[in-house]
Amino acid sequence: MLLTSQVSPGVQALERMVQLFDQALQQALAALVEAPALQSNLLVMDDLAMDARMLRDEGLSLLPAGFVLDICPPAESGVSVLTLLQRAEAVSRELSINQFPEGMSLLIVRLVDALRDHS
């Protein structure tokens, strides 16, 4: 990670969002592994996993070159994938859009679309 004093608040917020996206992806993948093959919400969880992966990867691409993401622990058990995505959306509202790295508005639109599609 770059020195904290060198990292803007927007990059710090984006890092938290990427960590939440990663936790959401891990939760969705774990649910897919544990789910019976005929479970009715299997396709929904698969779609959530795909959304979380795309959001995480896009968020990673917005971080500055040379930035190393801090590894975060898995989400506490019982927290849903949607809750993790909602937490990431809440982080996106902590700062004005111009404080985030360039390209952040598209990531936020994709996040809101994913939440709308699954809520």
PDB file of N, CA and C in Angstrom:
ATOM      1  N   MET A   1       0.842  -1.170   0.000  1.00  0.00           N
ATOM      2  CA  MET A   1       0.000   0.000   0.000  1.00  0.00           C
ATOM      3  C   MET A   1       0.883   1.228   0.000  1.00  0.00           C
ATOM      4  N   LEU A   2       0.452   2.250  -0.663  1.00  0.00           N
ATOM      5  CA  LEU A   2       1.165   3.510  -0.634  1.00  0.00           C
ATOM      6  C   LEU A   2       1.075   4.075   0.772  1.00  0.00           C
ATOM      7  N   LEU A   3       1.984   4.982   1.121  1.00  0.00           N
ATOM      8  CA  LEU A   3       1.914   5.593   2.436  1.00  0.00           C
ATOM      9  C   LEU A   3       0.551   6.255   2.610  1.00  0.00           C
ATOM     10  N   THR A   4      -0.036   6.093   3.791  1.00  0.00           N
ATOM     11  CA  THR A   4      -1.377   6.603   4.042  1.00  0.00           C
ATOM     12  C   THR A   4      -1.470   8.093   3.752  1.00  0.00           C
ATOM     13  N   SER A   5      -0.416   8.835   4.084  1.00  0.00           N
ATOM     14  CA  SER A   5      -0.448  10.276   3.855  1.00  0.00           C
ATOM     15  C   SER A   5      -0.490  10.606   2.365  1.00  0.00           C
ATOM     16  N   GLN A   6      -0.087   9.668   1.513  1.00  0.00           N
ATOM     17  CA  GLN A   6      -0.081   9.888   0.077  1.00  0.00           C
ATOM     18  C   GLN A   6      -1.384   9.434  -0.584  1.00  0.00           C
ATOM     19  N   VAL A   7      -2.231   8.741   0.137  1.00  0.00           N
ATOM     20  CA  VAL A   7      -3.447   8.178  -0.436  1.00  0.00           C
ATOM     21  C   VAL A   7      -4.598   9.141  -0.171  1.00  0.00           C
ATOM     22  N   SER A   8      -5.290   9.514  -1.227  1.00  0.00           N
ATOM     23  CA  SER A   8      -6.404  10.452  -1.102  1.00  0.00           C
ATOM     24  C   SER A   8      -7.591   9.775  -0.417  1.00  0.00           C
ATOM     25  N   PRO A   9      -8.492  10.572   0.160  1.00  0.00           N
ATOM     26  CA  PRO A   9      -9.700   9.992   0.764  1.00  0.00           C
ATOM     27  C   PRO A   9     -10.523   9.189  -0.250  1.00  0.00           C
ATOM     28  N   GLY A  10     -10.532   9.635  -1.505  1.00  0.00           N
ATOM     29  CA  GLY A  10     -11.273   8.905  -2.529  1.00  0.00           C
ATOM     30  C   GLY A  10     -10.699   7.527  -2.790  1.00  0.00           C
ATOM     31  N   VAL A  11      -9.382   7.426  -2.794  1.00  0.00           N
ATOM     32  CA  VAL A  11      -8.735   6.129  -2.997  1.00  0.00           C
ATOM     33  C   VAL A  11      -8.978   5.232  -1.784  1.00  0.00           C
ATOM     34  N   GLN A  12      -8.930   5.811  -0.583  1.00  0.00           N
ATOM     35  CA  GLN A  12      -9.205   5.029   0.625  1.00  0.00           C
ATOM     36  C   GLN A  12     -10.642   4.494   0.610  1.00  0.00           C
ATOM     37  N   ALA A  13     -11.594   5.331   0.199  1.00  0.00           N
ATOM     38  CA  ALA A  13     -12.993   4.888   0.123  1.00  0.00           C
ATOM     39  C   ALA A  13     -13.153   3.814  -0.947  1.00  0.00           C
ATOM     40  N   LEU A  14     -12.504   4.003  -2.091  1.00  0.00           N
ATOM     41  CA  LEU A  14     -12.566   2.997  -3.155  1.00  0.00           C
ATOM     42  C   LEU A  14     -11.977   1.680  -2.670  1.00  0.00           C
ATOM     43  N   GLU A  15     -10.894   1.744  -1.917  1.00  0.00           N
ATOM     44  CA  GLU A  15     -10.301   0.524  -1.374  1.00  0.00           C
ATOM     45  C   GLU A  15     -11.303  -0.207  -0.482  1.00  0.00           C
ATOM     46  N   ARG A  16     -12.011   0.520   0.376  1.00  0.00           N
ATOM     47  CA  ARG A  16     -13.025  -0.116   1.235  1.00  0.00           C
ATOM     48  C   ARG A  16     -14.122  -0.737   0.390  1.00  0.00           C
ATOM     49  N   MET A  17     -14.516  -0.058  -0.675  1.00  0.00           N
ATOM     50  CA  MET A  17     -15.552  -0.603  -1.549  1.00  0.00           C
ATOM     51  C   MET A  17     -15.073  -1.893  -2.209  1.00  0.00           C
ATOM     52  N   VAL A  18     -13.850  -1.898  -2.710  1.00  0.00           N
ATOM     53  CA  VAL A  18     -13.309  -3.098  -3.357  1.00  0.00           C
ATOM     54  C   VAL A  18     -13.253  -4.250  -2.363  1.00  0.00           C
ATOM     55  N   GLN A  19     -12.885  -3.963  -1.126  1.00  0.00           N
ATOM     56  CA  GLN A  19     -12.864  -5.008  -0.107  1.00  0.00           C
ATOM     57  C   GLN A  19     -14.273  -5.562   0.130  1.00  0.00           C
ATOM     58  N   LEU A  20     -15.267  -4.691   0.163  1.00  0.00           N
ATOM     59  CA  LEU A  20     -16.650  -5.154   0.326  1.00  0.00           C
ATOM     60  C   LEU A  20     -17.115  -5.961  -0.880  1.00  0.00           C
ATOM     61  N   PHE A  21     -16.721  -5.530  -2.088  1.00  0.00           N
ATOM     62  CA  PHE A  21     -17.050  -6.312  -3.285  1.00  0.00           C
ATOM     63  C   PHE A  21     -16.425  -7.698  -3.198  1.00  0.00           C
ATOM     64  N   ASP A  22     -15.177  -7.761  -2.728  1.00  0.00           N
ATOM     65  CA  ASP A  22     -14.496  -9.051  -2.616  1.00  0.00           C
ATOM     66  C   ASP A  22     -15.185  -9.934  -1.579  1.00  0.00           C
ATOM     67  N   GLN A  23     -15.580  -9.348  -0.451  1.00  0.00           N
ATOM     68  CA  GLN A  23     -16.303 -10.119   0.559  1.00  0.00           C
ATOM     69  C   GLN A  23     -17.636 -10.627   0.000  1.00  0.00           C
ATOM     70  N   ALA A  24     -18.319  -9.773  -0.768  1.00  0.00           N
ATOM     71  CA  ALA A  24     -19.591 -10.185  -1.381  1.00  0.00           C
ATOM     72  C   ALA A  24     -19.360 -11.348  -2.341  1.00  0.00           C
ATOM     73  N   LEU A  25     -18.302 -11.267  -3.122  1.00  0.00           N
ATOM     74  CA  LEU A  25     -17.982 -12.354  -4.053  1.00  0.00           C
ATOM     75  C   LEU A  25     -17.711 -13.643  -3.287  1.00  0.00           C
ATOM     76  N   GLN A  26     -16.917 -13.570  -2.227  1.00  0.00           N
ATOM     77  CA  GLN A  26     -16.609 -14.776  -1.443  1.00  0.00           C
ATOM     78  C   GLN A  26     -17.869 -15.366  -0.816  1.00  0.00           C
ATOM     79  N   GLN A  27     -18.766 -14.505  -0.317  1.00  0.00           N
ATOM     80  CA  GLN A  27     -20.027 -14.989   0.254  1.00  0.00           C
ATOM     81  C   GLN A  27     -20.872 -15.680  -0.813  1.00  0.00           C
ATOM     82  N   ALA A  28     -20.971 -15.062  -1.989  1.00  0.00           N
ATOM     83  CA  ALA A  28     -21.781 -15.636  -3.071  1.00  0.00           C
ATOM     84  C   ALA A  28     -21.206 -16.967  -3.527  1.00  0.00           C
ATOM     85  N   LEU A  29     -19.895 -17.048  -3.671  1.00  0.00           N
ATOM     86  CA  LEU A  29     -19.272 -18.306  -4.097  1.00  0.00           C
ATOM     87  C   LEU A  29     -19.464 -19.395  -3.050  1.00  0.00           C
ATOM     88  N   ALA A  30     -19.347 -19.035  -1.781  1.00  0.00           N
ATOM     89  CA  ALA A  30     -19.565 -20.014  -0.710  1.00  0.00           C
ATOM     90  C   ALA A  30     -21.009 -20.513  -0.735  1.00  0.00           C
ATOM     91  N   ALA A  31     -21.953 -19.618  -0.977  1.00  0.00           N
ATOM     92  CA  ALA A  31     -23.365 -20.018  -1.046  1.00  0.00           C
ATOM     93  C   ALA A  31     -23.603 -20.943  -2.232  1.00  0.00           C
ATOM     94  N   LEU A  32     -22.930 -20.688  -3.337  1.00  0.00           N
ATOM     95  CA  LEU A  32     -23.079 -21.553  -4.511  1.00  0.00           C
ATOM     96  C   LEU A  32     -22.541 -22.952  -4.243  1.00  0.00           C
ATOM     97  N   VAL A  33     -21.430 -23.042  -3.541  1.00  0.00           N
ATOM     98  CA  VAL A  33     -20.831 -24.344  -3.231  1.00  0.00           C
ATOM     99  C   VAL A  33     -21.728 -25.131  -2.281  1.00  0.00           C
ATOM    100  N   GLU A  34     -22.316 -24.415  -1.326  1.00  0.00           N
ATOM    101  CA  GLU A  34     -23.138 -25.080  -0.316  1.00  0.00           C
ATOM    102  C   GLU A  34     -24.555 -25.369  -0.792  1.00  0.00           C
ATOM    103  N   ALA A  35     -25.000 -24.692  -1.855  1.00  0.00           N
ATOM    104  CA  ALA A  35     -26.394 -24.803  -2.296  1.00  0.00           C
ATOM    105  C   ALA A  35     -26.640 -26.112  -3.037  1.00  0.00           C
ATOM    106  N   PRO A  36     -27.770 -26.730  -2.768  1.00  0.00           N
ATOM    107  CA  PRO A  36     -28.146 -27.900  -3.569  1.00  0.00           C
ATOM    108  C   PRO A  36     -28.357 -27.475  -5.022  1.00  0.00           C
ATOM    109  N   ALA A  37     -28.090 -28.364  -5.925  1.00  0.00           N
ATOM    110  CA  ALA A  37     -28.136 -28.050  -7.362  1.00  0.00           C
ATOM    111  C   ALA A  37     -29.503 -27.566  -7.823  1.00  0.00           C
ATOM    112  N   LEU A  38     -30.560 -27.973  -7.159  1.00  0.00           N
ATOM    113  CA  LEU A  38     -31.903 -27.599  -7.601  1.00  0.00           C
ATOM    114  C   LEU A  38     -32.493 -26.436  -6.806  1.00  0.00           C
ATOM    115  N   GLN A  39     -31.688 -25.795  -5.975  1.00  0.00           N
ATOM    116  CA  GLN A  39     -32.187 -24.684  -5.169  1.00  0.00           C
ATOM    117  C   GLN A  39     -32.676 -23.565  -6.083  1.00  0.00           C
ATOM    118  N   SER A  40     -33.828 -23.016  -5.767  1.00  0.00           N
ATOM    119  CA  SER A  40     -34.462 -22.033  -6.649  1.00  0.00           C
ATOM    120  C   SER A  40     -33.677 -20.744  -6.791  1.00  0.00           C
ATOM    121  N   ASN A  41     -32.933 -20.337  -5.780  1.00  0.00           N
ATOM    122  CA  ASN A  41     -32.206 -19.078  -5.889  1.00  0.00           C
ATOM    123  C   ASN A  41     -30.765 -19.264  -6.356  1.00  0.00           C
ATOM    124  N   LEU A  42     -30.461 -20.415  -6.902  1.00  0.00           N
ATOM    125  CA  LEU A  42     -29.107 -20.688  -7.381  1.00  0.00           C
ATOM    126  C   LEU A  42     -28.708 -19.719  -8.488  1.00  0.00           C
ATOM    127  N   LEU A  43     -29.609 -19.456  -9.423  1.00  0.00           N
ATOM    128  CA  LEU A  43     -29.299 -18.522 -10.513  1.00  0.00           C
ATOM    129  C   LEU A  43     -29.129 -17.106  -9.993  1.00  0.00           C
ATOM    130  N   VAL A  44     -29.924 -16.730  -9.007  1.00  0.00           N
ATOM    131  CA  VAL A  44     -29.797 -15.394  -8.413  1.00  0.00           C
ATOM    132  C   VAL A  44     -28.430 -15.245  -7.758  1.00  0.00           C
ATOM    133  N   MET A  45     -28.000 -16.258  -7.010  1.00  0.00           N
ATOM    134  CA  MET A  45     -26.701 -16.199  -6.340  1.00  0.00           C
ATOM    135  C   MET A  45     -25.570 -16.196  -7.354  1.00  0.00           C
ATOM    136  N   ASP A  46     -25.731 -16.940  -8.431  1.00  0.00           N
ATOM    137  CA  ASP A  46     -24.727 -16.946  -9.489  1.00  0.00           C
ATOM    138  C   ASP A  46     -24.622 -15.558 -10.126  1.00  0.00           C
ATOM    139  N   ASP A  47     -25.753 -14.923 -10.334  1.00  0.00           N
ATOM    140  CA  ASP A  47     -25.778 -13.579 -10.900  1.00  0.00           C
ATOM    141  C   ASP A  47     -25.145 -12.574  -9.935  1.00  0.00           C
ATOM    142  N   LEU A  48     -25.432 -12.708  -8.648  1.00  0.00           N
ATOM    143  CA  LEU A  48     -24.819 -11.838  -7.646  1.00  0.00           C
ATOM    144  C   LEU A  48     -23.304 -12.027  -7.605  1.00  0.00           C
ATOM    145  N   ALA A  49     -22.860 -13.264  -7.715  1.00  0.00           N
ATOM    146  CA  ALA A  49     -21.421 -13.531  -7.725  1.00  0.00           C
ATOM    147  C   ALA A  49     -20.767 -12.867  -8.933  1.00  0.00           C
ATOM    148  N   MET A  50     -21.417 -12.950 -10.086  1.00  0.00           N
ATOM    149  CA  MET A  50     -20.877 -12.321 -11.291  1.00  0.00           C
ATOM    150  C   MET A  50     -20.821 -10.803 -11.128  1.00  0.00           C
ATOM    151  N   ASP A  51     -21.893 -10.212 -10.583  1.00  0.00           N
ATOM    152  CA  ASP A  51     -21.901  -8.761 -10.359  1.00  0.00           C
ATOM    153  C   ASP A  51     -20.791  -8.353  -9.392  1.00  0.00           C
ATOM    154  N   ALA A  52     -20.645  -9.093  -8.286  1.00  0.00           N
ATOM    155  CA  ALA A  52     -19.623  -8.771  -7.291  1.00  0.00           C
ATOM    156  C   ALA A  52     -18.225  -8.874  -7.903  1.00  0.00           C
ATOM    157  N   ARG A  53     -18.000  -9.886  -8.736  1.00  0.00           N
ATOM    158  CA  ARG A  53     -16.696 -10.046  -9.381  1.00  0.00           C
ATOM    159  C   ARG A  53     -16.412  -8.885 -10.332  1.00  0.00           C
ATOM    160  N   MET A  54     -17.399  -8.511 -11.127  1.00  0.00           N
ATOM    161  CA  MET A  54     -17.183  -7.405 -12.076  1.00  0.00           C
ATOM    162  C   MET A  54     -16.947  -6.094 -11.328  1.00  0.00           C
ATOM    163  N   LEU A  55     -17.706  -5.853 -10.258  1.00  0.00           N
ATOM    164  CA  LEU A  55     -17.518  -4.635  -9.476  1.00  0.00           C
ATOM    165  C   LEU A  55     -16.139  -4.611  -8.822  1.00  0.00           C
ATOM    166  N   ARG A  56     -15.734  -5.745  -8.269  1.00  0.00           N
ATOM    167  CA  ARG A  56     -14.412  -5.821  -7.636  1.00  0.00           C
ATOM    168  C   ARG A  56     -13.308  -5.557  -8.654  1.00  0.00           C
ATOM    169  N   ASP A  57     -13.401  -6.216  -9.795  1.00  0.00           N
ATOM    170  CA  ASP A  57     -12.358  -6.068 -10.803  1.00  0.00           C
ATOM    171  C   ASP A  57     -12.306  -4.651 -11.372  1.00  0.00           C
ATOM    172  N   GLU A  58     -13.474  -4.054 -11.599  1.00  0.00           N
ATOM    173  CA  GLU A  58     -13.498  -2.678 -12.096  1.00  0.00           C
ATOM    174  C   GLU A  58     -12.942  -1.722 -11.039  1.00  0.00           C
ATOM    175  N   GLY A  59     -13.317  -1.944  -9.780  1.00  0.00           N
ATOM    176  CA  GLY A  59     -12.783  -1.115  -8.695  1.00  0.00           C
ATOM    177  C   GLY A  59     -11.272  -1.230  -8.593  1.00  0.00           C
ATOM    178  N   LEU A  60     -10.764  -2.438  -8.724  1.00  0.00           N
ATOM    179  CA  LEU A  60      -9.309  -2.632  -8.697  1.00  0.00           C
ATOM    180  C   LEU A  60      -8.625  -1.872  -9.825  1.00  0.00           C
ATOM    181  N   SER A  61      -9.261  -1.835 -10.985  1.00  0.00           N
ATOM    182  CA  SER A  61      -8.653  -1.143 -12.127  1.00  0.00           C
ATOM    183  C   SER A  61      -8.613   0.369 -11.930  1.00  0.00           C
ATOM    184  N   LEU A  62      -9.434   0.907 -11.031  1.00  0.00           N
ATOM    185  CA  LEU A  62      -9.457   2.347 -10.773  1.00  0.00           C
ATOM    186  C   LEU A  62      -8.426   2.777  -9.728  1.00  0.00           C
ATOM    187  N   LEU A  63      -7.894   1.819  -8.985  1.00  0.00           N
ATOM    188  CA  LEU A  63      -6.884   2.158  -7.978  1.00  0.00           C
ATOM    189  C   LEU A  63      -5.589   2.588  -8.670  1.00  0.00           C
ATOM    190  N   PRO A  64      -4.840   3.487  -8.045  1.00  0.00           N
ATOM    191  CA  PRO A  64      -3.600   3.975  -8.667  1.00  0.00           C
ATOM    192  C   PRO A  64      -2.596   2.855  -8.929  1.00  0.00           C
ATOM    193  N   ALA A  65      -1.762   3.047  -9.945  1.00  0.00           N
ATOM    194  CA  ALA A  65      -0.703   2.080 -10.253  1.00  0.00           C
ATOM    195  C   ALA A  65       0.197   1.928  -9.028  1.00  0.00           C
ATOM    196  N   GLY A  66       0.554   0.708  -8.726  1.00  0.00           N
ATOM    197  CA  GLY A  66       1.415   0.438  -7.587  1.00  0.00           C
ATOM    198  C   GLY A  66       0.668   0.297  -6.275  1.00  0.00           C
ATOM    199  N   PHE A  67      -0.635   0.508  -6.294  1.00  0.00           N
ATOM    200  CA  PHE A  67      -1.427   0.394  -5.071  1.00  0.00           C
ATOM    201  C   PHE A  67      -1.621  -1.076  -4.758  1.00  0.00           C
ATOM    202  N   VAL A  68      -1.335  -1.452  -3.520  1.00  0.00           N
ATOM    203  CA  VAL A  68      -1.527  -2.833  -3.080  1.00  0.00           C
ATOM    204  C   VAL A  68      -2.702  -2.843  -2.113  1.00  0.00           C
ATOM    205  N   LEU A  69      -3.709  -3.598  -2.448  1.00  0.00           N
ATOM    206  CA  LEU A  69      -4.920  -3.669  -1.641  1.00  0.00           C
ATOM    207  C   LEU A  69      -4.639  -4.413  -0.349  1.00  0.00           C
ATOM    208  N   ASP A  70      -5.050  -3.821   0.777  1.00  0.00           N
ATOM    209  CA  ASP A  70      -4.939  -4.515   2.057  1.00  0.00           C
ATOM    210  C   ASP A  70      -5.901  -5.696   2.045  1.00  0.00           C
ATOM    211  N   ILE A  71      -5.423  -6.835   2.484  1.00  0.00           N
ATOM    212  CA  ILE A  71      -6.275  -8.017   2.550  1.00  0.00           C
ATOM    213  C   ILE A  71      -7.202  -7.854   3.745  1.00  0.00           C
ATOM    214  N   CYS A  72      -8.467  -8.073   3.511  1.00  0.00           N
ATOM    215  CA  CYS A  72      -9.426  -7.931   4.606  1.00  0.00           C
ATOM    216  C   CYS A  72      -9.974  -9.304   4.973  1.00  0.00           C
ATOM    217  N   PRO A  73     -10.415  -9.442   6.216  1.00  0.00           N
ATOM    218  CA  PRO A  73     -10.981 -10.726   6.635  1.00  0.00           C
ATOM    219  C   PRO A  73     -12.305 -10.981   5.944  1.00  0.00           C
ATOM    220  N   PRO A  74     -12.727 -12.228   5.895  1.00  0.00           N
ATOM    221  CA  PRO A  74     -14.043 -12.524   5.314  1.00  0.00           C
ATOM    222  C   PRO A  74     -15.135 -11.797   6.105  1.00  0.00           C
ATOM    223  N   ALA A  75     -16.241 -11.573   5.454  1.00  0.00           N
ATOM    224  CA  ALA A  75     -17.380 -10.927   6.123  1.00  0.00           C
ATOM    225  C   ALA A  75     -17.859 -11.814   7.258  1.00  0.00           C
ATOM    226  N   GLU A  76     -18.400 -11.171   8.274  1.00  0.00           N
ATOM    227  CA  GLU A  76     -18.937 -11.954   9.383  1.00  0.00           C
ATOM    228  C   GLU A  76     -20.062 -12.836   8.857  1.00  0.00           C
ATOM    229  N   SER A  77     -20.187 -14.005   9.425  1.00  0.00           N
ATOM    230  CA  SER A  77     -21.203 -14.941   8.931  1.00  0.00           C
ATOM    231  C   SER A  77     -22.588 -14.359   9.171  1.00  0.00           C
ATOM    232  N   GLY A  78     -23.489 -14.687   8.289  1.00  0.00           N
ATOM    233  CA  GLY A  78     -24.849 -14.186   8.396  1.00  0.00           C
ATOM    234  C   GLY A  78     -25.082 -12.887   7.643  1.00  0.00           C
ATOM    235  N   VAL A  79     -24.018 -12.280   7.115  1.00  0.00           N
ATOM    236  CA  VAL A  79     -24.175 -11.051   6.336  1.00  0.00           C
ATOM    237  C   VAL A  79     -24.406 -11.454   4.887  1.00  0.00           C
ATOM    238  N   SER A  80     -25.484 -10.965   4.320  1.00  0.00           N
ATOM    239  CA  SER A  80     -25.826 -11.350   2.949  1.00  0.00           C
ATOM    240  C   SER A  80     -24.970 -10.602   1.933  1.00  0.00           C
ATOM    241  N   VAL A  81     -24.938 -11.153   0.747  1.00  0.00           N
ATOM    242  CA  VAL A  81     -24.231 -10.520  -0.362  1.00  0.00           C
ATOM    243  C   VAL A  81     -24.822  -9.143  -0.633  1.00  0.00           C
ATOM    244  N   LEU A  82     -26.138  -9.052  -0.621  1.00  0.00           N
ATOM    245  CA  LEU A  82     -26.795  -7.760  -0.857  1.00  0.00           C
ATOM    246  C   LEU A  82     -26.422  -6.740   0.206  1.00  0.00           C
ATOM    247  N   THR A  83     -26.338  -7.160   1.452  1.00  0.00           N
ATOM    248  CA  THR A  83     -25.947  -6.248   2.530  1.00  0.00           C
ATOM    249  C   THR A  83     -24.543  -5.713   2.294  1.00  0.00           C
ATOM    250  N   LEU A  84     -23.629  -6.568   1.854  1.00  0.00           N
ATOM    251  CA  LEU A  84     -22.259  -6.130   1.579  1.00  0.00           C
ATOM    252  C   LEU A  84     -22.231  -5.129   0.427  1.00  0.00           C
ATOM    253  N   LEU A  85     -23.033  -5.378  -0.600  1.00  0.00           N
ATOM    254  CA  LEU A  85     -23.097  -4.431  -1.718  1.00  0.00           C
ATOM    255  C   LEU A  85     -23.737  -3.117  -1.271  1.00  0.00           C
ATOM    256  N   GLN A  86     -24.725  -3.184  -0.393  1.00  0.00           N
ATOM    257  CA  GLN A  86     -25.341  -1.966   0.137  1.00  0.00           C
ATOM    258  C   GLN A  86     -24.340  -1.174   0.972  1.00  0.00           C
ATOM    259  N   ARG A  87     -23.492  -1.866   1.711  1.00  0.00           N
ATOM    260  CA  ARG A  87     -22.448  -1.176   2.484  1.00  0.00           C
ATOM    261  C   ARG A  87     -21.468  -0.466   1.548  1.00  0.00           C
ATOM    262  N   ALA A  88     -21.132  -1.112   0.438  1.00  0.00           N
ATOM    263  CA  ALA A  88     -20.237  -0.483  -0.537  1.00  0.00           C
ATOM    264  C   ALA A  88     -20.889   0.762  -1.131  1.00  0.00           C
ATOM    265  N   GLU A  89     -22.182   0.675  -1.396  1.00  0.00           N
ATOM    266  CA  GLU A  89     -22.899   1.837  -1.940  1.00  0.00           C
ATOM    267  C   GLU A  89     -22.909   2.970  -0.929  1.00  0.00           C
ATOM    268  N   ALA A  90     -23.043   2.652   0.348  1.00  0.00           N
ATOM    269  CA  ALA A  90     -23.013   3.679   1.395  1.00  0.00           C
ATOM    270  C   ALA A  90     -21.643   4.364   1.445  1.00  0.00           C
ATOM    271  N   VAL A  91     -20.583   3.597   1.241  1.00  0.00           N
ATOM    272  CA  VAL A  91     -19.230   4.179   1.202  1.00  0.00           C
ATOM    273  C   VAL A  91     -19.126   5.162   0.039  1.00  0.00           C
ATOM    274  N   SER A  92     -19.754   4.837  -1.076  1.00  0.00           N
ATOM    275  CA  SER A  92     -19.665   5.715  -2.251  1.00  0.00           C
ATOM    276  C   SER A  92     -20.313   7.073  -1.999  1.00  0.00           C
ATOM    277  N   ARG A  93     -21.189   7.161  -0.998  1.00  0.00           N
ATOM    278  CA  ARG A  93     -21.869   8.421  -0.687  1.00  0.00           C
ATOM    279  C   ARG A  93     -21.129   9.243   0.356  1.00  0.00           C
ATOM    280  N   GLU A  94     -20.019   8.731   0.873  1.00  0.00           N
ATOM    281  CA  GLU A  94     -19.279   9.455   1.911  1.00  0.00           C
ATOM    282  C   GLU A  94     -18.544  10.679   1.371  1.00  0.00           C
ATOM    283  N   LEU A  95     -18.222  10.664   0.092  1.00  0.00           N
ATOM    284  CA  LEU A  95     -17.457  11.751  -0.528  1.00  0.00           C
ATOM    285  C   LEU A  95     -18.161  12.213  -1.790  1.00  0.00           C
ATOM    286  N   SER A  96     -17.808  13.398  -2.236  1.00  0.00           N
ATOM    287  CA  SER A  96     -18.339  13.840  -3.530  1.00  0.00           C
ATOM    288  C   SER A  96     -17.613  13.086  -4.638  1.00  0.00           C
ATOM    289  N   ILE A  97     -18.269  12.956  -5.754  1.00  0.00           N
ATOM    290  CA  ILE A  97     -17.740  12.147  -6.852  1.00  0.00           C
ATOM    291  C   ILE A  97     -16.385  12.656  -7.343  1.00  0.00           C
ATOM    292  N   ASN A  98     -16.139  13.957  -7.256  1.00  0.00           N
ATOM    293  CA  ASN A  98     -14.870  14.491  -7.756  1.00  0.00           C
ATOM    294  C   ASN A  98     -13.696  14.150  -6.846  1.00  0.00           C
ATOM    295  N   GLN A  99     -13.944  13.579  -5.671  1.00  0.00           N
ATOM    296  CA  GLN A  99     -12.857  13.162  -4.794  1.00  0.00           C
ATOM    297  C   GLN A  99     -12.379  11.743  -5.100  1.00  0.00           C
ATOM    298  N   PHE A 100     -13.152  11.028  -5.888  1.00  0.00           N
ATOM    299  CA  PHE A 100     -12.796   9.657  -6.250  1.00  0.00           C
ATOM    300  C   PHE A 100     -11.920   9.643  -7.494  1.00  0.00           C
ATOM    301  N   PRO A 101     -11.238   8.527  -7.743  1.00  0.00           N
ATOM    302  CA  PRO A 101     -10.468   8.407  -8.986  1.00  0.00           C
ATOM    303  C   PRO A 101     -11.381   8.503 -10.210  1.00  0.00           C
ATOM    304  N   GLU A 102     -10.808   8.915 -11.309  1.00  0.00           N
ATOM    305  CA  GLU A 102     -11.554   9.016 -12.564  1.00  0.00           C
ATOM    306  C   GLU A 102     -12.145   7.656 -12.922  1.00  0.00           C
ATOM    307  N   GLY A 103     -13.377   7.665 -13.382  1.00  0.00           N
ATOM    308  CA  GLY A 103     -14.067   6.426 -13.743  1.00  0.00           C
ATOM    309  C   GLY A 103     -14.991   5.915 -12.657  1.00  0.00           C
ATOM    310  N   MET A 104     -14.987   6.577 -11.513  1.00  0.00           N
ATOM    311  CA  MET A 104     -15.775   6.111 -10.372  1.00  0.00           C
ATOM    312  C   MET A 104     -17.278   6.194 -10.625  1.00  0.00           C
ATOM    313  N   SER A 105     -17.721   7.184 -11.379  1.00  0.00           N
ATOM    314  CA  SER A 105     -19.167   7.332 -11.594  1.00  0.00           C
ATOM    315  C   SER A 105     -19.748   6.110 -12.290  1.00  0.00           C
ATOM    316  N   LEU A 106     -19.029   5.534 -13.243  1.00  0.00           N
ATOM    317  CA  LEU A 106     -19.517   4.336 -13.925  1.00  0.00           C
ATOM    318  C   LEU A 106     -19.591   3.148 -12.962  1.00  0.00           C
ATOM    319  N   LEU A 107     -18.614   3.029 -12.085  1.00  0.00           N
ATOM    320  CA  LEU A 107     -18.637   1.952 -11.090  1.00  0.00           C
ATOM    321  C   LEU A 107     -19.856   2.105 -10.176  1.00  0.00           C
ATOM    322  N   ILE A 108     -20.148   3.330  -9.770  1.00  0.00           N
ATOM    323  CA  ILE A 108     -21.297   3.561  -8.897  1.00  0.00           C
ATOM    324  C   ILE A 108     -22.598   3.226  -9.623  1.00  0.00           C
ATOM    325  N   VAL A 109     -22.693   3.608 -10.887  1.00  0.00           N
ATOM    326  CA  VAL A 109     -23.890   3.274 -11.671  1.00  0.00           C
ATOM    327  C   VAL A 109     -24.065   1.769 -11.746  1.00  0.00           C
ATOM    328  N   ARG A 110     -22.998   1.042 -11.992  1.00  0.00           N
ATOM    329  CA  ARG A 110     -23.083  -0.427 -12.075  1.00  0.00           C
ATOM    330  C   ARG A 110     -23.478  -1.034 -10.735  1.00  0.00           C
ATOM    331  N   LEU A 111     -22.955  -0.468  -9.647  1.00  0.00           N
ATOM    332  CA  LEU A 111     -23.311  -0.952  -8.318  1.00  0.00           C
ATOM    333  C   LEU A 111     -24.790  -0.718  -8.039  1.00  0.00           C
ATOM    334  N   VAL A 112     -25.275   0.476  -8.325  1.00  0.00           N
ATOM    335  CA  VAL A 112     -26.694   0.788  -8.105  1.00  0.00           C
ATOM    336  C   VAL A 112     -27.578  -0.096  -8.979  1.00  0.00           C
ATOM    337  N   ASP A 113     -27.164  -0.336 -10.210  1.00  0.00           N
ATOM    338  CA  ASP A 113     -27.920  -1.234 -11.093  1.00  0.00           C
ATOM    339  C   ASP A 113     -27.988  -2.648 -10.501  1.00  0.00           C
ATOM    340  N   ALA A 114     -26.867  -3.133  -9.985  1.00  0.00           N
ATOM    341  CA  ALA A 114     -26.849  -4.479  -9.393  1.00  0.00           C
ATOM    342  C   ALA A 114     -27.776  -4.538  -8.183  1.00  0.00           C
ATOM    343  N   LEU A 115     -27.746  -3.506  -7.352  1.00  0.00           N
ATOM    344  CA  LEU A 115     -28.625  -3.481  -6.187  1.00  0.00           C
ATOM    345  C   LEU A 115     -30.094  -3.430  -6.618  1.00  0.00           C
ATOM    346  N   ARG A 116     -30.394  -2.616  -7.603  1.00  0.00           N
ATOM    347  CA  ARG A 116     -31.769  -2.517  -8.102  1.00  0.00           C
ATOM    348  C   ARG A 116     -32.238  -3.868  -8.668  1.00  0.00           C
ATOM    349  N   ASP A 117     -31.378  -4.512  -9.417  1.00  0.00           N
ATOM    350  CA  ASP A 117     -31.755  -5.782 -10.044  1.00  0.00           C
ATOM    351  C   ASP A 117     -32.004  -6.894  -9.023  1.00  0.00           C
ATOM    352  N   HIS A 118     -31.380  -6.814  -7.851  1.00  0.00           N
ATOM    353  CA  HIS A 118     -31.474  -7.919  -6.891  1.00  0.00           C
ATOM    354  C   HIS A 118     -32.278  -7.581  -5.651  1.00  0.00           C
ATOM    355  N   SER A 119     -32.780  -6.371  -5.578  1.00  0.00           N
ATOM    356  CA  SER A 119     -33.546  -5.983  -4.376  1.00  0.00           C
ATOM    357  C   SER A 119     -35.021  -6.261  -4.555  1.00  0.00           C
TER     358      SER A 119
END
